[in-house]
Amino acid sequence: MHEEAAMTDLGITGAVTLVSHFVFIMITFRLLFALRFDKLLKANHVRDSQLLMVFLAIAIGYNVSEFFLSLLTAAHSLTYLL
């Protein structure tokens, strides 16, 4: 019985992590549209600017997601103090 609860907790943690990463990457991608990457790159490199935007969204979104997941873990761990 204890093993099933641990597997369920592990599954929920994995699902929350995936959803969090995806949501924060999508939010970051949406926010990056405010920047003009095409002006930073050489002319006729539209695909390069789009790929740069995707990579930046993944890098920034992942790190923001990890930050918030870390805060949630720390907040949950505080309950053990009481």
C-alpha atoms as a PDB file:
ATOM      1  CA  MET A   1       0.000   0.000   0.000  1.00  0.00           C
ATOM      2  CA  HIS A   2       2.797   2.412   0.901  1.00  0.00           C
ATOM      3  CA  GLU A   3       4.546   1.713  -2.397  1.00  0.00           C
ATOM      4  CA  GLU A   4       1.427   2.636  -4.394  1.00  0.00           C
ATOM      5  CA  ALA A   5       1.153   5.990  -2.600  1.00  0.00           C
ATOM      6  CA  ALA A   6       4.803   6.734  -3.337  1.00  0.00           C
ATOM      7  CA  MET A   7       4.306   5.927  -7.018  1.00  0.00           C
ATOM      8  CA  THR A   8       1.217   8.141  -7.136  1.00  0.00           C
ATOM      9  CA  ASP A   9       3.107  11.017  -5.506  1.00  0.00           C
ATOM     10  CA  LEU A  10       5.947  10.535  -7.977  1.00  0.00           C
ATOM     11  CA  GLY A  11       3.490  10.578 -10.892  1.00  0.00           C
ATOM     12  CA  ILE A  12       1.790  13.734  -9.625  1.00  0.00           C
ATOM     13  CA  THR A  13       5.159  15.439  -9.148  1.00  0.00           C
ATOM     14  CA  GLY A  14       6.165  14.520 -12.692  1.00  0.00           C
ATOM     15  CA  ALA A  15       2.893  15.799 -14.124  1.00  0.00           C
ATOM     16  CA  VAL A  16       3.115  19.082 -12.198  1.00  0.00           C
ATOM     17  CA  THR A  17       6.713  19.539 -13.349  1.00  0.00           C
ATOM     18  CA  LEU A  18       5.849  18.951 -17.004  1.00  0.00           C
ATOM     19  CA  VAL A  19       2.846  21.261 -16.886  1.00  0.00           C
ATOM     20  CA  SER A  20       4.843  23.947 -15.095  1.00  0.00           C
ATOM     21  CA  HIS A  21       7.693  23.808 -17.613  1.00  0.00           C
ATOM     22  CA  PHE A  22       5.294  23.911 -20.549  1.00  0.00           C
ATOM     23  CA  VAL A  23       3.235  26.799 -19.136  1.00  0.00           C
ATOM     24  CA  PHE A  24       6.259  28.945 -18.297  1.00  0.00           C
ATOM     25  CA  ILE A  25       7.907  28.239 -21.661  1.00  0.00           C
ATOM     26  CA  MET A  26       4.703  29.270 -23.449  1.00  0.00           C
ATOM     27  CA  ILE A  27       4.375  32.428 -21.326  1.00  0.00           C
ATOM     28  CA  THR A  28       7.991  33.332 -22.051  1.00  0.00           C
ATOM     29  CA  PHE A  29       7.535  32.652 -25.766  1.00  0.00           C
ATOM     30  CA  ARG A  30       4.518  34.960 -25.796  1.00  0.00           C
ATOM     31  CA  LEU A  31       6.429  37.682 -23.933  1.00  0.00           C
ATOM     32  CA  LEU A  32       9.401  37.462 -26.288  1.00  0.00           C
ATOM     33  CA  PHE A  33       7.198  38.701 -29.135  1.00  0.00           C
ATOM     34  CA  ALA A  34       7.634  42.156 -27.588  1.00  0.00           C
ATOM     35  CA  LEU A  35      11.302  42.049 -28.642  1.00  0.00           C
ATOM     36  CA  ARG A  36      12.451  42.567 -32.221  1.00  0.00           C
ATOM     37  CA  PHE A  37      14.956  39.764 -32.831  1.00  0.00           C
ATOM     38  CA  ASP A  38      14.862  40.443 -36.565  1.00  0.00           C
ATOM     39  CA  LYS A  39      16.496  43.829 -35.879  1.00  0.00           C
ATOM     40  CA  LEU A  40      19.321  42.195 -33.926  1.00  0.00           C
ATOM     41  CA  LEU A  41      20.257  39.710 -36.645  1.00  0.00           C
ATOM     42  CA  LYS A  42      21.514  40.229 -40.161  1.00  0.00           C
ATOM     43  CA  ALA A  43      19.011  40.835 -42.937  1.00  0.00           C
ATOM     44  CA  ASN A  44      17.193  37.827 -44.428  1.00  0.00           C
ATOM     45  CA  HIS A  45      17.686  35.660 -41.332  1.00  0.00           C
ATOM     46  CA  VAL A  46      14.057  35.348 -40.310  1.00  0.00           C
ATOM     47  CA  ARG A  47      14.331  31.636 -39.526  1.00  0.00           C
ATOM     48  CA  ASP A  48      17.375  32.296 -37.359  1.00  0.00           C
ATOM     49  CA  SER A  49      15.510  34.921 -35.332  1.00  0.00           C
ATOM     50  CA  GLN A  50      12.564  32.543 -34.883  1.00  0.00           C
ATOM     51  CA  LEU A  51      14.829  29.729 -33.729  1.00  0.00           C
ATOM     52  CA  LEU A  52      16.617  32.092 -31.352  1.00  0.00           C
ATOM     53  CA  MET A  53      13.259  33.085 -29.908  1.00  0.00           C
ATOM     54  CA  VAL A  54      12.288  29.436 -29.364  1.00  0.00           C
ATOM     55  CA  PHE A  55      15.612  28.629 -27.664  1.00  0.00           C
ATOM     56  CA  LEU A  56      15.411  31.701 -25.440  1.00  0.00           C
ATOM     57  CA  ALA A  57      11.831  30.857 -24.501  1.00  0.00           C
ATOM     58  CA  ILE A  58      12.882  27.335 -23.530  1.00  0.00           C
ATOM     59  CA  ALA A  59      15.907  28.514 -21.533  1.00  0.00           C
ATOM     60  CA  ILE A  60      14.127  31.327 -19.695  1.00  0.00           C
ATOM     61  CA  GLY A  61      10.837  29.459 -19.218  1.00  0.00           C
ATOM     62  CA  TYR A  62      12.585  26.366 -17.864  1.00  0.00           C
ATOM     63  CA  ASN A  63      14.577  28.403 -15.352  1.00  0.00           C
ATOM     64  CA  VAL A  64      11.535  30.370 -14.188  1.00  0.00           C
ATOM     65  CA  SER A  65       9.596  27.114 -13.836  1.00  0.00           C
ATOM     66  CA  GLU A  66      12.411  25.536 -11.809  1.00  0.00           C
ATOM     67  CA  PHE A  67      12.452  28.614  -9.575  1.00  0.00           C
ATOM     68  CA  PHE A  68       8.728  28.351  -8.841  1.00  0.00           C
ATOM     69  CA  LEU A  69       8.888  24.577  -8.355  1.00  0.00           C
ATOM     70  CA  SER A  70      11.751  25.119  -5.930  1.00  0.00           C
ATOM     71  CA  LEU A  71       9.673  27.675  -4.028  1.00  0.00           C
ATOM     72  CA  LEU A  72       6.775  25.220  -3.836  1.00  0.00           C
ATOM     73  CA  THR A  73       9.071  22.493  -2.533  1.00  0.00           C
ATOM     74  CA  ALA A  74      10.570  24.824   0.060  1.00  0.00           C
ATOM     75  CA  ALA A  75       7.132  26.010   1.173  1.00  0.00           C
ATOM     76  CA  HIS A  76       5.942  22.409   1.464  1.00  0.00           C
ATOM     77  CA  SER A  77       9.033  21.524   3.497  1.00  0.00           C
ATOM     78  CA  LEU A  78       8.263  24.317   5.964  1.00  0.00           C
ATOM     79  CA  THR A  79       5.313  22.303   7.222  1.00  0.00           C
ATOM     80  CA  TYR A  80       7.787  19.878   8.812  1.00  0.00           C
ATOM     81  CA  LEU A  81       8.971  22.653  11.123  1.00  0.00           C
ATOM     82  CA  LEU A  82       5.570  22.950  12.739  1.00  0.00           C
END
